[in-house]
C-alpha cells in the first residue's frame, strides 16, 4: 500500500505532534511506501509572476497550495535588480498546518535571492517586504525541484517515473537534504524533516514513491520525533 494523500489533515488546523514516537502510517522494522505525488515542472513564476512591488513596505496576500503531497522547495526572484539588499519574507504552512516564515534576501545587483534555509512549503499565504528595494521591481515566486517528506526518516529505496520504477546508481540519494535538528528552529534553519530531490525531473507525469523508515529520535529536551523540531514562525 502506498500512502498517497493526507485527507485527514484539514487546512487551518496545526496537526504537529511534539516528540511523536509512533504513526500508523509507518511499519515497524520495514520501510513503508509513500508517494510524493506527480508535481509539475519547476518554474520561476509557478506561484506568482508578479506577487507585488518590492519597493514598498507592504504585505501581499497569496493563496497557493503546492502540487506535491508533502510540500516543495520554492524560489524568490525580482523582475530586475533591486538596487538595495532587499528582503522578502514569505509566510505559509507545511503539510501538517504548522505556520512557517522565512526570509529571502537579494543583493543590490542580483535578481535572485538567497533563502533562509531549505523549507518544504505546502501553502504560501503571504509575501511581505521587510527591507524594500530602491528600484521599481516586482517579486516573483516559483518552485524548485526538491520535495518534502512526511516524517523525519531514512530513505530505504526510491521509485521514479511514469510508471514509477526502482532507480539505482550514483546520485540516487545524493541530493537528499537531511533533517535539521537545530532546536529551536530559526529563520535560517533547514526543514526539520528534510527532503528529496528527484533524479527524473518533475513533469506532471513522473511519480515519486519512496520507501521510508521513520526516525522517532528525540533530543535531550524531548523534542523532535517523527514530525521533527517545531517549525520557525514570526509574523
Protein backbone atom coordinates (compact mmCIF):
# COMPACT_ATOMS: atom_id res chain seq x y z
CA UNK A 1 0.00 0.00 0.00
CA UNK A 2 1.28 3.46 -0.91
CA UNK A 3 0.41 6.43 1.30
CA UNK A 4 -0.68 8.98 -1.32
CA UNK A 5 -2.87 11.62 0.31
CA UNK A 6 -3.32 13.30 3.67
CA UNK A 7 -7.07 13.78 3.61
CA UNK A 8 -7.27 13.62 7.40
CA UNK A 9 -5.18 16.80 7.73
CA UNK A 10 -7.60 19.70 7.49
CA UNK A 11 -6.47 23.09 6.31
CA UNK A 12 -6.14 25.62 9.09
CA UNK A 13 -5.50 23.02 11.80
CA UNK A 14 -1.95 22.56 13.09
CA UNK A 15 -1.53 18.80 13.50
CA UNK A 16 2.13 18.81 14.51
CA UNK A 17 2.82 16.30 17.31
CA UNK A 18 5.79 17.13 19.58
CA UNK A 19 8.08 14.16 20.28
CA UNK A 20 5.97 11.90 18.05
CA UNK A 21 7.18 8.30 18.52
CA UNK A 22 4.63 6.29 16.52
CA UNK A 23 2.39 6.59 13.46
CA UNK A 24 0.03 4.06 11.94
CA UNK A 25 1.42 5.20 8.55
CA UNK A 26 4.73 3.52 9.30
CA UNK A 27 5.68 -0.14 9.58
CA UNK A 28 7.87 -1.43 12.40
CA UNK A 29 11.18 -2.80 11.15
CA UNK A 30 10.47 -2.28 7.43
CA UNK A 31 10.17 0.66 5.03
CA UNK A 32 6.72 1.95 4.08
CA UNK A 33 5.94 3.33 0.62
CA UNK A 34 4.92 7.00 0.39
CA UNK A 35 4.03 8.88 -2.79
CA UNK A 36 5.30 12.44 -3.08
CA UNK A 37 2.86 12.96 -5.95
CA UNK A 38 3.29 13.97 -9.59
CA UNK A 39 4.37 17.60 -9.33
CA UNK A 40 4.68 19.94 -12.29
CA UNK A 41 7.96 21.06 -13.78
CA UNK A 42 9.87 23.60 -11.70
CA UNK A 43 9.29 27.15 -12.86
CA UNK A 44 10.48 30.55 -11.65
CA UNK A 45 6.97 32.04 -11.84
CA UNK A 46 4.88 28.97 -10.93
CA UNK A 47 3.42 30.59 -7.82
CA UNK A 48 3.32 34.22 -8.92
CA UNK A 49 4.88 36.07 -11.83
CA UNK A 50 4.10 39.31 -10.01
CA UNK A 51 3.33 38.94 -6.30
CA UNK A 52 3.66 42.69 -5.75
CA UNK A 53 6.06 45.62 -5.78
CA UNK A 54 9.37 45.12 -3.98
CA UNK A 55 9.91 48.83 -3.33
CA UNK A 56 7.11 49.19 -0.76
CA UNK A 57 6.73 48.00 2.86
CA UNK A 58 3.62 46.02 2.02
CA UNK A 59 2.20 42.56 2.71
CA UNK A 60 0.77 40.80 -0.33
CA UNK A 61 -1.85 38.12 0.30
CA UNK A 62 -1.39 34.89 -1.65
CA UNK A 63 -3.29 31.61 -1.73
CA UNK A 64 -1.17 28.93 -3.33
CA UNK A 65 -1.06 25.21 -2.49
CA UNK A 66 1.82 23.05 -3.68
CA UNK A 67 1.23 20.20 -6.10
CA UNK A 68 3.49 17.78 -4.19
CA UNK A 69 1.93 15.75 -1.38
CA UNK A 70 4.19 16.90 1.44
CA UNK A 71 5.35 20.27 0.15
CA UNK A 72 8.02 21.67 -2.10
CA UNK A 73 11.02 23.98 -2.01
CA UNK A 74 10.49 27.38 -3.60
CA UNK A 75 12.48 30.26 -5.03
CA UNK A 76 12.03 34.03 -4.91
CA UNK A 77 13.36 36.39 -7.57
CA UNK A 78 12.97 40.02 -8.58
CA UNK A 79 11.90 41.27 -12.00
CA UNK A 80 15.11 43.32 -12.08
CA UNK A 81 17.98 44.31 -9.83
CA UNK A 82 16.55 45.71 -6.56
CA UNK A 83 19.23 48.39 -6.07
CA UNK A 84 19.47 47.61 -2.35
CA UNK A 85 19.78 44.39 -0.33
CA UNK A 86 16.02 43.79 -0.32
CA UNK A 87 14.37 41.13 1.85
CA UNK A 88 11.13 39.26 1.09
CA UNK A 89 9.51 37.39 4.00
CA UNK A 90 7.29 34.51 2.94
CA UNK A 91 4.55 33.24 5.26
CA UNK A 92 2.71 29.96 4.93
CA UNK A 93 2.35 26.41 6.26
CA UNK A 94 3.90 22.99 5.98
CA UNK A 95 1.73 19.96 5.15
CA UNK A 96 0.89 19.50 8.84
CA UNK A 97 -0.52 23.02 9.05
CA UNK A 98 2.42 24.38 11.04
CA UNK A 99 2.90 28.10 10.33
CA UNK A 100 6.26 28.91 8.70
CA UNK A 101 8.09 32.10 7.80
CA UNK A 102 11.41 32.52 6.02
CA UNK A 103 13.34 35.48 4.63
CA UNK A 104 14.65 35.55 1.07
CA UNK A 105 17.41 38.15 0.72
CA UNK A 106 18.53 39.65 -2.57
CA UNK A 107 21.77 41.51 -3.20
CA UNK A 108 21.54 45.01 -4.63
CA UNK A 109 22.72 43.95 -8.08
CA UNK A 110 21.18 40.46 -8.27
CA UNK A 111 17.73 39.40 -9.44
CA UNK A 112 17.78 36.11 -7.48
CA UNK A 113 17.66 35.79 -3.70
CA UNK A 114 19.24 33.56 -1.06
CA UNK A 115 16.65 31.74 1.11
CA UNK A 116 16.89 31.38 4.85
CA UNK A 117 17.06 27.59 4.87
CA UNK A 118 15.54 24.90 2.65
CA UNK A 119 11.88 24.67 3.62
CA UNK A 120 9.21 22.45 2.08
CA UNK A 121 6.14 24.65 1.88
CA UNK A 122 2.67 23.20 1.39
CA UNK A 123 0.90 26.56 1.26
CA UNK A 124 2.05 30.12 0.65
CA UNK A 125 -0.31 32.66 2.21
CA UNK A 126 1.60 35.96 2.09
CA UNK A 127 4.73 37.75 0.89
CA UNK A 128 5.99 40.74 2.88
CA UNK A 129 8.73 43.21 2.08
CA UNK A 130 10.73 43.70 5.29
CA UNK A 131 13.60 45.57 3.59
CA UNK A 132 12.47 47.33 0.44
CA UNK A 133 14.18 47.66 -2.92
CA UNK A 134 15.18 51.11 -4.11
CA UNK A 135 14.30 50.26 -7.70
CA UNK A 136 10.77 49.76 -9.01
CA UNK A 137 10.90 45.96 -9.35
CA UNK A 138 8.40 43.22 -8.56
CA UNK A 139 8.52 39.98 -6.56
CA UNK A 140 8.42 36.69 -8.47
CA UNK A 141 7.85 33.37 -6.67
CA UNK A 142 8.40 29.94 -8.17
CA UNK A 143 9.09 26.27 -7.45
CA UNK A 144 12.29 24.26 -7.06
CA UNK A 145 12.82 20.52 -7.72
CA UNK A 146 13.22 19.41 -4.06
CA UNK A 147 10.17 17.75 -2.46
CA UNK A 148 9.14 17.43 1.18
CA UNK A 149 8.82 14.23 3.22
CA UNK A 150 6.02 13.19 5.60
CA UNK A 151 8.30 12.27 8.51
CA UNK A 152 11.83 12.61 9.78
CA UNK A 153 13.09 9.38 8.30
CA UNK A 154 15.63 7.31 6.43
CA UNK A 155 15.13 6.60 2.72
CA UNK A 156 15.42 2.88 2.02
CA UNK A 157 14.53 2.87 -1.69
CA UNK A 158 13.13 5.10 -4.42
CA UNK A 159 10.84 4.62 -7.42
CA UNK A 160 10.56 7.35 -10.03
CA UNK A 161 8.90 7.77 -13.39
CA UNK A 162 5.72 7.07 -15.34
CA UNK A 163 5.10 4.37 -14.28
CA UNK A 164 7.39 4.62 -11.28
CA UNK A 165 10.22 2.07 -11.25
CA UNK A 166 13.11 1.39 -8.89
CA UNK A 167 16.08 3.62 -9.67
CA UNK A 168 19.68 2.83 -8.84
CA UNK A 169 23.10 4.29 -9.40
CA UNK A 170 25.17 7.21 -8.26
CA UNK A 171 23.16 10.26 -7.30
CA UNK A 172 20.02 8.43 -6.23
CA UNK A 173 20.28 9.84 -2.71
CA UNK A 174 22.98 12.43 -3.37
CA UNK A 175 20.52 15.31 -3.28
CA UNK A 176 18.79 14.16 -0.10
CA UNK A 177 18.53 17.07 2.35
CA UNK A 178 18.83 15.72 5.87
CA UNK A 179 16.50 16.82 8.69
CA UNK A 180 17.71 19.91 10.51
CA UNK A 181 17.94 19.07 14.23
CA UNK A 182 18.52 22.67 15.39
CA UNK A 183 16.34 23.29 18.45
CA UNK A 184 14.63 25.68 18.44
CA UNK A 185 14.41 26.24 14.71
CA UNK A 186 15.40 29.70 13.44
CA UNK A 187 14.59 31.81 10.41
CA UNK A 188 17.76 30.41 8.79
CA UNK A 189 17.48 26.67 9.55
CA UNK A 190 16.53 23.96 7.07
CA UNK A 191 13.42 21.80 7.16
CA UNK A 192 13.10 19.62 10.32
CA UNK A 193 12.06 16.57 8.28
CA UNK A 194 14.39 17.02 5.32
CA UNK A 195 13.53 16.35 1.70
CA UNK A 196 14.30 14.57 -1.53
CA UNK A 197 15.34 15.93 -4.93
CA UNK A 198 14.25 13.59 -7.75
CA UNK A 199 16.69 12.30 -10.35
CA UNK A 200 14.00 12.37 -13.07
CA UNK A 201 12.75 15.94 -13.42
CA UNK A 202 9.15 16.69 -12.45
CA UNK A 203 6.80 16.99 -15.43
CA UNK A 204 3.29 16.30 -14.03
CA UNK A 205 3.64 12.65 -15.14
CA UNK A 206 6.56 11.28 -13.14
CA UNK A 207 5.53 9.94 -9.74
CA UNK A 208 7.98 9.72 -6.85
CA UNK A 209 7.46 6.82 -4.46
CA UNK A 210 9.86 6.42 -1.55
CA UNK A 211 10.34 3.61 0.92
CA UNK A 212 10.69 5.39 4.26
CA UNK A 213 11.80 4.18 7.68
CA UNK A 214 10.65 6.53 10.44
CA UNK A 215 13.19 8.12 12.79
CA UNK A 216 11.45 8.83 16.13
CA UNK A 217 14.64 10.08 17.85
CA UNK A 218 14.19 12.97 20.28
CA UNK A 219 16.93 15.19 21.70
CA UNK A 220 17.87 15.69 25.34
CA UNK A 221 15.00 18.18 25.75
CA UNK A 222 12.48 15.64 24.44
CA UNK A 223 11.98 17.49 21.17
CA UNK A 224 11.99 16.01 17.68
CA UNK A 225 10.35 12.68 16.93
CA UNK A 226 8.74 11.72 13.64
CA UNK A 227 7.50 15.26 12.91
CA UNK A 228 10.89 16.78 13.67
CA UNK A 229 11.55 20.04 15.51
CA UNK A 230 8.69 22.56 15.52
CA UNK A 231 8.85 24.94 12.52
CA UNK A 232 10.05 28.52 12.99
CA UNK A 233 7.49 31.27 12.58
CA UNK A 234 7.47 35.01 13.03
CA UNK A 235 4.87 37.36 11.51
